[in-house]
Structures are given as structure tokens and as C-alpha cells.
Amino acid sequence: MVLGDEYRACVAVKAGKPGDSLPESEFKIPGGRYYCHRLRNFVSEPQKIGTLIDELVKRSDFDHFRPIVEYYRGHDELSNRLPVI
């Protein structure tokens, strides 16, 4: 997840399981609308991720107050979720 200039790694905590053993405090991804863009085969050209994000944040409906979420769907597919208004 990208929050401002900070990149954060996230994990899902199962219901009923405390996150006490995790090194950081809990953070919940804010709800709302997200534009989803899938990027396949990104491992061979990782620079595509940064280029894509640079283009996505130029959208007029980009919500600067919520984080961009990267969701890795296996080893060859990345789903970038851009918060939109």
C-alpha cells in the first residue's frame, strides 16, 4: 500500500485472532470506490509498476486522501487499486 511517500506492507488478520504479534499497529484500508488495473507479467519488467502508478495518479478522480493499494494475485499478476471520488 502506498500512503503518501510511504510504502507499507499489509497482511490480513483473521477474525477473532489478535494482531499482537505483528510489528506495527493495525491499519484498516479505507472503504470507498477504487479503480482497479491489473498488470500481468510484472516480474520481468518491474519498472512498469512505477510507470503505471505515475499515470494513474494523474486521473482527475484520484482521491489523494486515501492510499493506493497493490494486491499481488500470485507471482505474475498485480492488481493496482487507485482510490477515486
PDB file of N, CA and C in Angstrom:
ATOM      1  N   MET A   1       0.845  -1.151   0.000  1.00  0.00           N
ATOM      2  CA  MET A   1       0.000   0.000   0.000  1.00  0.00           C
ATOM      3  C   MET A   1       0.900   1.227   0.000  1.00  0.00           C
ATOM      4  N   VAL A   2       0.523   2.217  -0.760  1.00  0.00           N
ATOM      5  CA  VAL A   2       1.266   3.463  -0.806  1.00  0.00           C
ATOM      6  C   VAL A   2       0.440   4.520  -0.085  1.00  0.00           C
ATOM      7  N   LEU A   3       1.020   5.110   0.949  1.00  0.00           N
ATOM      8  CA  LEU A   3       0.341   6.121   1.746  1.00  0.00           C
ATOM      9  C   LEU A   3       1.252   7.336   1.794  1.00  0.00           C
ATOM     10  N   GLY A   4       0.942   8.352   0.973  1.00  0.00           N
ATOM     11  CA  GLY A   4       1.838   9.499   0.850  1.00  0.00           C
ATOM     12  C   GLY A   4       3.108   9.051   0.169  1.00  0.00           C
ATOM     13  N   ASP A   5       4.246   9.297   0.792  1.00  0.00           N
ATOM     14  CA  ASP A   5       5.526   8.857   0.262  1.00  0.00           C
ATOM     15  C   ASP A   5       5.994   7.560   0.921  1.00  0.00           C
ATOM     16  N   GLU A   6       5.120   6.923   1.665  1.00  0.00           N
ATOM     17  CA  GLU A   6       5.484   5.735   2.427  1.00  0.00           C
ATOM     18  C   GLU A   6       4.854   4.487   1.827  1.00  0.00           C
ATOM     19  N   TYR A   7       5.653   3.432   1.682  1.00  0.00           N
ATOM     20  CA  TYR A   7       5.163   2.144   1.190  1.00  0.00           C
ATOM     21  C   TYR A   7       4.990   1.225   2.394  1.00  0.00           C
ATOM     22  N   ARG A   8       3.784   0.683   2.568  1.00  0.00           N
ATOM     23  CA  ARG A   8       3.506  -0.190   3.708  1.00  0.00           C
ATOM     24  C   ARG A   8       3.103  -1.576   3.228  1.00  0.00           C
ATOM     25  N   ALA A   9       3.624  -2.588   3.869  1.00  0.00           N
ATOM     26  CA  ALA A   9       3.197  -3.959   3.594  1.00  0.00           C
ATOM     27  C   ALA A   9       2.029  -4.269   4.521  1.00  0.00           C
ATOM     28  N   CYS A  10       1.061  -4.997   4.029  1.00  0.00           N
ATOM     29  CA  CYS A  10      -0.129  -5.303   4.823  1.00  0.00           C
ATOM     30  C   CYS A  10      -0.408  -6.796   4.811  1.00  0.00           C
ATOM     31  N   VAL A  11      -1.019  -7.248   5.873  1.00  0.00           N
ATOM     32  CA  VAL A  11      -1.478  -8.627   5.967  1.00  0.00           C
ATOM     33  C   VAL A  11      -2.896  -8.608   6.510  1.00  0.00           C
ATOM     34  N   ALA A  12      -3.644  -9.629   6.175  1.00  0.00           N
ATOM     35  CA  ALA A  12      -4.994  -9.749   6.709  1.00  0.00           C
ATOM     36  C   ALA A  12      -4.931 -10.528   8.014  1.00  0.00           C
ATOM     37  N   VAL A  13      -5.611 -10.030   9.033  1.00  0.00           N
ATOM     38  CA  VAL A  13      -5.693 -10.712  10.318  1.00  0.00           C
ATOM     39  C   VAL A  13      -7.048 -11.402  10.369  1.00  0.00           C
ATOM     40  N   LYS A  14      -7.036 -12.704  10.622  1.00  0.00           N
ATOM     41  CA  LYS A  14      -8.287 -13.458  10.661  1.00  0.00           C
ATOM     42  C   LYS A  14      -9.162 -12.977  11.808  1.00  0.00           C
ATOM     43  N   ALA A  15     -10.458 -13.012  11.594  1.00  0.00           N
ATOM     44  CA  ALA A  15     -11.415 -12.602  12.624  1.00  0.00           C
ATOM     45  C   ALA A  15     -11.196 -13.425  13.884  1.00  0.00           C
ATOM     46  N   GLY A  16     -11.187 -12.754  15.007  1.00  0.00           N
ATOM     47  CA  GLY A  16     -11.012 -13.420  16.287  1.00  0.00           C
ATOM     48  C   GLY A  16      -9.569 -13.670  16.664  1.00  0.00           C
ATOM     49  N   LYS A  17      -8.640 -13.342  15.780  1.00  0.00           N
ATOM     50  CA  LYS A  17      -7.215 -13.534  16.062  1.00  0.00           C
ATOM     51  C   LYS A  17      -6.581 -12.166  16.326  1.00  0.00           C
ATOM     52  N   PRO A  18      -5.978 -11.973  17.485  1.00  0.00           N
ATOM     53  CA  PRO A  18      -5.355 -10.682  17.765  1.00  0.00           C
ATOM     54  C   PRO A  18      -4.103 -10.483  16.915  1.00  0.00           C
ATOM     55  N   GLY A  19      -3.832  -9.241  16.583  1.00  0.00           N
ATOM     56  CA  GLY A  19      -2.641  -8.918  15.817  1.00  0.00           C
ATOM     57  C   GLY A  19      -1.484  -8.513  16.695  1.00  0.00           C
ATOM     58  N   ASP A  20      -1.476  -8.968  17.961  1.00  0.00           N
ATOM     59  CA  ASP A  20      -0.449  -8.572  18.921  1.00  0.00           C
ATOM     60  C   ASP A  20       0.968  -8.928  18.488  1.00  0.00           C
ATOM     61  N   SER A  21       1.121  -9.999  17.726  1.00  0.00           N
ATOM     62  CA  SER A  21       2.461 -10.428  17.343  1.00  0.00           C
ATOM     63  C   SER A  21       2.993  -9.667  16.127  1.00  0.00           C
ATOM     64  N   LEU A  22       2.173  -8.823  15.540  1.00  0.00           N
ATOM     65  CA  LEU A  22       2.614  -8.046  14.380  1.00  0.00           C
ATOM     66  C   LEU A  22       3.462  -6.871  14.843  1.00  0.00           C
ATOM     67  N   PRO A  23       4.467  -6.478  14.046  1.00  0.00           N
ATOM     68  CA  PRO A  23       5.394  -5.424  14.487  1.00  0.00           C
ATOM     69  C   PRO A  23       4.815  -4.011  14.495  1.00  0.00           C
ATOM     70  N   GLU A  24       3.805  -3.751  13.724  1.00  0.00           N
ATOM     71  CA  GLU A  24       3.239  -2.399  13.636  1.00  0.00           C
ATOM     72  C   GLU A  24       1.808  -2.390  14.145  1.00  0.00           C
ATOM     73  N   SER A  25       1.292  -1.190  14.328  1.00  0.00           N
ATOM     74  CA  SER A  25      -0.097  -1.073  14.749  1.00  0.00           C
ATOM     75  C   SER A  25      -1.021  -1.424  13.586  1.00  0.00           C
ATOM     76  N   GLU A  26      -2.266  -1.700  13.917  1.00  0.00           N
ATOM     77  CA  GLU A  26      -3.239  -2.050  12.890  1.00  0.00           C
ATOM     78  C   GLU A  26      -3.632  -0.824  12.074  1.00  0.00           C
ATOM     79  N   PHE A  27      -3.911  -1.062  10.805  1.00  0.00           N
ATOM     80  CA  PHE A  27      -4.388  -0.028   9.901  1.00  0.00           C
ATOM     81  C   PHE A  27      -5.427  -0.677   9.008  1.00  0.00           C
ATOM     82  N   LYS A  28      -6.574  -0.064   8.896  1.00  0.00           N
ATOM     83  CA  LYS A  28      -7.617  -0.605   8.024  1.00  0.00           C
ATOM     84  C   LYS A  28      -7.646   0.208   6.740  1.00  0.00           C
ATOM     85  N   ILE A  29      -7.710  -0.495   5.627  1.00  0.00           N
ATOM     86  CA  ILE A  29      -7.811   0.173   4.333  1.00  0.00           C
ATOM     87  C   ILE A  29      -9.178   0.839   4.268  1.00  0.00           C
ATOM     88  N   PRO A  30      -9.199   2.147   4.006  1.00  0.00           N
ATOM     89  CA  PRO A  30     -10.480   2.861   3.961  1.00  0.00           C
ATOM     90  C   PRO A  30     -11.391   2.337   2.855  1.00  0.00           C
ATOM     91  N   GLY A  31     -12.667   2.321   3.137  1.00  0.00           N
ATOM     92  CA  GLY A  31     -13.653   1.906   2.148  1.00  0.00           C
ATOM     93  C   GLY A  31     -13.824   2.980   1.083  1.00  0.00           C
ATOM     94  N   GLY A  32     -14.717   2.732   0.188  1.00  0.00           N
ATOM     95  CA  GLY A  32     -14.987   3.674  -0.889  1.00  0.00           C
ATOM     96  C   GLY A  32     -14.696   3.046  -2.235  1.00  0.00           C
ATOM     97  N   ARG A  33     -14.781   3.862  -3.264  1.00  0.00           N
ATOM     98  CA  ARG A  33     -14.572   3.380  -4.627  1.00  0.00           C
ATOM     99  C   ARG A  33     -13.083   3.326  -4.962  1.00  0.00           C
ATOM    100  N   TYR A  34     -12.696   2.283  -5.687  1.00  0.00           N
ATOM    101  CA  TYR A  34     -11.327   2.122  -6.161  1.00  0.00           C
ATOM    102  C   TYR A  34     -11.367   1.725  -7.638  1.00  0.00           C
ATOM    103  N   TYR A  35     -10.516   2.347  -8.427  1.00  0.00           N
ATOM    104  CA  TYR A  35     -10.335   1.945  -9.817  1.00  0.00           C
ATOM    105  C   TYR A  35      -9.297   0.821  -9.803  1.00  0.00           C
ATOM    106  N   CYS A  36      -9.591  -0.282 -10.464  1.00  0.00           N
ATOM    107  CA  CYS A  36      -8.697  -1.434 -10.449  1.00  0.00           C
ATOM    108  C   CYS A  36      -8.039  -1.606 -11.816  1.00  0.00           C
ATOM    109  N   HIS A  37      -6.728  -1.737 -11.815  1.00  0.00           N
ATOM    110  CA  HIS A  37      -5.971  -2.000 -13.039  1.00  0.00           C
ATOM    111  C   HIS A  37      -5.081  -3.207 -12.796  1.00  0.00           C
ATOM    112  N   ARG A  38      -5.223  -4.222 -13.622  1.00  0.00           N
ATOM    113  CA  ARG A  38      -4.406  -5.428 -13.469  1.00  0.00           C
ATOM    114  C   ARG A  38      -3.187  -5.348 -14.374  1.00  0.00           C
ATOM    115  N   LEU A  39      -2.066  -5.720 -13.815  1.00  0.00           N
ATOM    116  CA  LEU A  39      -0.803  -5.736 -14.539  1.00  0.00           C
ATOM    117  C   LEU A  39      -0.272  -7.165 -14.494  1.00  0.00           C
ATOM    118  N   ARG A  40      -0.169  -7.780 -15.660  1.00  0.00           N
ATOM    119  CA  ARG A  40       0.316  -9.165 -15.733  1.00  0.00           C
ATOM    120  C   ARG A  40       1.787  -9.187 -16.109  1.00  0.00           C
ATOM    121  N   ASN A  41       2.471 -10.253 -15.702  1.00  0.00           N
ATOM    122  CA  ASN A  41       3.881 -10.468 -16.028  1.00  0.00           C
ATOM    123  C   ASN A  41       4.769  -9.294 -15.598  1.00  0.00           C
ATOM    124  N   PHE A  42       4.481  -8.714 -14.459  1.00  0.00           N
ATOM    125  CA  PHE A  42       5.237  -7.550 -13.981  1.00  0.00           C
ATOM    126  C   PHE A  42       6.639  -7.919 -13.475  1.00  0.00           C
ATOM    127  N   VAL A  43       6.862  -9.189 -13.167  1.00  0.00           N
ATOM    128  CA  VAL A  43       8.144  -9.620 -12.613  1.00  0.00           C
ATOM    129  C   VAL A  43       9.283  -9.385 -13.603  1.00  0.00           C
ATOM    130  N   SER A  44       9.031  -9.601 -14.874  1.00  0.00           N
ATOM    131  CA  SER A  44      10.079  -9.430 -15.879  1.00  0.00           C
ATOM    132  C   SER A  44      10.392  -7.953 -16.147  1.00  0.00           C
ATOM    133  N   GLU A  45       9.447  -7.068 -15.847  1.00  0.00           N
ATOM    134  CA  GLU A  45       9.657  -5.633 -16.046  1.00  0.00           C
ATOM    135  C   GLU A  45       9.068  -4.852 -14.862  1.00  0.00           C
ATOM    136  N   PRO A  46       9.723  -4.917 -13.699  1.00  0.00           N
ATOM    137  CA  PRO A  46       9.156  -4.280 -12.505  1.00  0.00           C
ATOM    138  C   PRO A  46       9.010  -2.763 -12.613  1.00  0.00           C
ATOM    139  N   GLN A  47       9.760  -2.121 -13.493  1.00  0.00           N
ATOM    140  CA  GLN A  47       9.652  -0.676 -13.658  1.00  0.00           C
ATOM    141  C   GLN A  47       8.266  -0.269 -14.169  1.00  0.00           C
ATOM    142  N   LYS A  48       7.542  -1.219 -14.743  1.00  0.00           N
ATOM    143  CA  LYS A  48       6.187  -0.925 -15.224  1.00  0.00           C
ATOM    144  C   LYS A  48       5.259  -0.508 -14.078  1.00  0.00           C
ATOM    145  N   ILE A  49       5.533  -1.020 -12.879  1.00  0.00           N
ATOM    146  CA  ILE A  49       4.678  -0.705 -11.731  1.00  0.00           C
ATOM    147  C   ILE A  49       4.723   0.793 -11.444  1.00  0.00           C
ATOM    148  N   GLY A  50       5.930   1.350 -11.321  1.00  0.00           N
ATOM    149  CA  GLY A  50       6.073   2.780 -11.045  1.00  0.00           C
ATOM    150  C   GLY A  50       5.511   3.644 -12.150  1.00  0.00           C
ATOM    151  N   THR A  51       5.755   3.248 -13.389  1.00  0.00           N
ATOM    152  CA  THR A  51       5.235   3.995 -14.538  1.00  0.00           C
ATOM    153  C   THR A  51       3.717   4.001 -14.531  1.00  0.00           C
ATOM    154  N   LEU A  52       3.119   2.850 -14.233  1.00  0.00           N
ATOM    155  CA  LEU A  52       1.660   2.755 -14.176  1.00  0.00           C
ATOM    156  C   LEU A  52       1.093   3.642 -13.079  1.00  0.00           C
ATOM    157  N   ILE A  53       1.679   3.590 -11.885  1.00  0.00           N
ATOM    158  CA  ILE A  53       1.193   4.418 -10.773  1.00  0.00           C
ATOM    159  C   ILE A  53       1.303   5.901 -11.134  1.00  0.00           C
ATOM    160  N   ASP A  54       2.421   6.300 -11.734  1.00  0.00           N
ATOM    161  CA  ASP A  54       2.593   7.696 -12.151  1.00  0.00           C
ATOM    162  C   ASP A  54       1.477   8.142 -13.082  1.00  0.00           C
ATOM    163  N   GLU A  55       1.040   7.261 -13.961  1.00  0.00           N
ATOM    164  CA  GLU A  55      -0.046   7.591 -14.890  1.00  0.00           C
ATOM    165  C   GLU A  55      -1.403   7.603 -14.179  1.00  0.00           C
ATOM    166  N   LEU A  56      -1.636   6.615 -13.311  1.00  0.00           N
ATOM    167  CA  LEU A  56      -2.933   6.520 -12.637  1.00  0.00           C
ATOM    168  C   LEU A  56      -3.225   7.731 -11.750  1.00  0.00           C
ATOM    169  N   VAL A  57      -2.213   8.249 -11.052  1.00  0.00           N
ATOM    170  CA  VAL A  57      -2.468   9.369 -10.138  1.00  0.00           C
ATOM    171  C   VAL A  57      -2.764  10.675 -10.882  1.00  0.00           C
ATOM    172  N   LYS A  58      -2.628  10.674 -12.190  1.00  0.00           N
ATOM    173  CA  LYS A  58      -2.984  11.857 -12.987  1.00  0.00           C
ATOM    174  C   LYS A  58      -4.484  11.924 -13.274  1.00  0.00           C
ATOM    175  N   ARG A  59      -5.192  10.852 -12.947  1.00  0.00           N
ATOM    176  CA  ARG A  59      -6.650  10.850 -13.189  1.00  0.00           C
ATOM    177  C   ARG A  59      -7.313  11.968 -12.400  1.00  0.00           C
ATOM    178  N   SER A  60      -8.296  12.591 -12.995  1.00  0.00           N
ATOM    179  CA  SER A  60      -8.984  13.707 -12.338  1.00  0.00           C
ATOM    180  C   SER A  60      -9.811  13.266 -11.143  1.00  0.00           C
ATOM    181  N   ASP A  61     -10.185  11.984 -11.082  1.00  0.00           N
ATOM    182  CA  ASP A  61     -10.999  11.498  -9.971  1.00  0.00           C
ATOM    183  C   ASP A  61     -10.178  10.814  -8.879  1.00  0.00           C
ATOM    184  N   PHE A  62      -8.846  10.912  -8.934  1.00  0.00           N
ATOM    185  CA  PHE A  62      -7.978  10.315  -7.919  1.00  0.00           C
ATOM    186  C   PHE A  62      -8.218  10.972  -6.565  1.00  0.00           C
ATOM    187  N   ASP A  63      -8.438  10.154  -5.545  1.00  0.00           N
ATOM    188  CA  ASP A  63      -8.656  10.637  -4.177  1.00  0.00           C
ATOM    189  C   ASP A  63      -7.315  10.625  -3.436  1.00  0.00           C
ATOM    190  N   HIS A  64      -6.714  11.791  -3.280  1.00  0.00           N
ATOM    191  CA  HIS A  64      -5.390  11.931  -2.663  1.00  0.00           C
ATOM    192  C   HIS A  64      -5.382  11.634  -1.158  1.00  0.00           C
ATOM    193  N   PHE A  65      -6.558  11.504  -0.558  1.00  0.00           N
ATOM    194  CA  PHE A  65      -6.635  11.322   0.890  1.00  0.00           C
ATOM    195  C   PHE A  65      -6.675   9.851   1.324  1.00  0.00           C
ATOM    196  N   ARG A  66      -6.771   8.946   0.357  1.00  0.00           N
ATOM    197  CA  ARG A  66      -6.766   7.515   0.668  1.00  0.00           C
ATOM    198  C   ARG A  66      -5.579   6.857  -0.026  1.00  0.00           C
ATOM    199  N   PRO A  67      -5.109   5.731   0.495  1.00  0.00           N
ATOM    200  CA  PRO A  67      -3.914   5.090  -0.067  1.00  0.00           C
ATOM    201  C   PRO A  67      -4.193   4.319  -1.356  1.00  0.00           C
ATOM    202  N   ILE A  68      -3.152   4.192  -2.166  1.00  0.00           N
ATOM    203  CA  ILE A  68      -3.172   3.306  -3.325  1.00  0.00           C
ATOM    204  C   ILE A  68      -2.849   1.909  -2.797  1.00  0.00           C
ATOM    205  N   VAL A  69      -3.586   0.914  -3.260  1.00  0.00           N
ATOM    206  CA  VAL A  69      -3.396  -0.456  -2.772  1.00  0.00           C
ATOM    207  C   VAL A  69      -2.874  -1.330  -3.906  1.00  0.00           C
ATOM    208  N   GLU A  70      -1.780  -2.042  -3.645  1.00  0.00           N
ATOM    209  CA  GLU A  70      -1.252  -3.042  -4.576  1.00  0.00           C
ATOM    210  C   GLU A  70      -1.609  -4.402  -4.013  1.00  0.00           C
ATOM    211  N   TYR A  71      -2.287  -5.193  -4.812  1.00  0.00           N
ATOM    212  CA  TYR A  71      -2.697  -6.528  -4.374  1.00  0.00           C
ATOM    213  C   TYR A  71      -2.053  -7.545  -5.314  1.00  0.00           C
ATOM    214  N   TYR A  72      -1.131  -8.325  -4.779  1.00  0.00           N
ATOM    215  CA  TYR A  72      -0.417  -9.316  -5.578  1.00  0.00           C
ATOM    216  C   TYR A  72      -1.245 -10.584  -5.652  1.00  0.00           C
ATOM    217  N   ARG A  73      -1.667 -10.912  -6.861  1.00  0.00           N
ATOM    218  CA  ARG A  73      -2.504 -12.087  -7.105  1.00  0.00           C
ATOM    219  C   ARG A  73      -1.624 -13.191  -7.685  1.00  0.00           C
ATOM    220  N   GLY A  74      -0.776 -13.755  -6.874  1.00  0.00           N
ATOM    221  CA  GLY A  74       0.158 -14.779  -7.342  1.00  0.00           C
ATOM    222  C   GLY A  74       1.471 -14.136  -7.758  1.00  0.00           C
ATOM    223  N   HIS A  75       2.261 -14.885  -8.503  1.00  0.00           N
ATOM    224  CA  HIS A  75       3.594 -14.422  -8.877  1.00  0.00           C
ATOM    225  C   HIS A  75       3.619 -13.646 -10.184  1.00  0.00           C
ATOM    226  N   ASP A  76       2.496 -13.608 -10.905  1.00  0.00           N
ATOM    227  CA  ASP A  76       2.543 -12.965 -12.211  1.00  0.00           C
ATOM    228  C   ASP A  76       1.451 -11.937 -12.458  1.00  0.00           C
ATOM    229  N   GLU A  77       0.665 -11.619 -11.432  1.00  0.00           N
ATOM    230  CA  GLU A  77      -0.393 -10.630 -11.618  1.00  0.00           C
ATOM    231  C   GLU A  77      -0.465  -9.691 -10.420  1.00  0.00           C
ATOM    232  N   LEU A  78      -0.503  -8.417 -10.728  1.00  0.00           N
ATOM    233  CA  LEU A  78      -0.600  -7.366  -9.718  1.00  0.00           C
ATOM    234  C   LEU A  78      -1.848  -6.547  -9.999  1.00  0.00           C
ATOM    235  N   SER A  79      -2.663  -6.354  -8.982  1.00  0.00           N
ATOM    236  CA  SER A  79      -3.859  -5.537  -9.109  1.00  0.00           C
ATOM    237  C   SER A  79      -3.603  -4.224  -8.371  1.00  0.00           C
ATOM    238  N   ASN A  80      -3.523  -3.120  -9.112  1.00  0.00           N
ATOM    239  CA  ASN A  80      -3.360  -1.800  -8.515  1.00  0.00           C
ATOM    240  C   ASN A  80      -4.731  -1.196  -8.309  1.00  0.00           C
ATOM    241  N   ARG A  81      -4.996  -0.759  -7.105  1.00  0.00           N
ATOM    242  CA  ARG A  81      -6.314  -0.187  -6.784  1.00  0.00           C
ATOM    243  C   ARG A  81      -6.128   1.267  -6.380  1.00  0.00           C
ATOM    244  N   LEU A  82      -6.625   2.127  -7.223  1.00  0.00           N
ATOM    245  CA  LEU A  82      -6.482   3.567  -7.048  1.00  0.00           C
ATOM    246  C   LEU A  82      -7.768   4.116  -6.447  1.00  0.00           C
ATOM    247  N   PRO A  83      -7.689   4.814  -5.302  1.00  0.00           N
ATOM    248  CA  PRO A  83      -8.919   5.368  -4.722  1.00  0.00           C
ATOM    249  C   PRO A  83      -9.442   6.508  -5.602  1.00  0.00           C
ATOM    250  N   VAL A  84     -10.730   6.467  -5.872  1.00  0.00           N
ATOM    251  CA  VAL A  84     -11.353   7.506  -6.703  1.00  0.00           C
ATOM    252  C   VAL A  84     -12.562   8.094  -5.996  1.00  0.00           C
ATOM    253  N   ILE A  85     -12.889   9.294  -6.386  1.00  0.00           N
ATOM    254  CA  ILE A  85     -14.020  10.024  -5.803  1.00  0.00           C
ATOM    255  C   ILE A  85     -15.288   9.642  -6.544  1.00  0.00           C
TER     256      ILE A  85
END
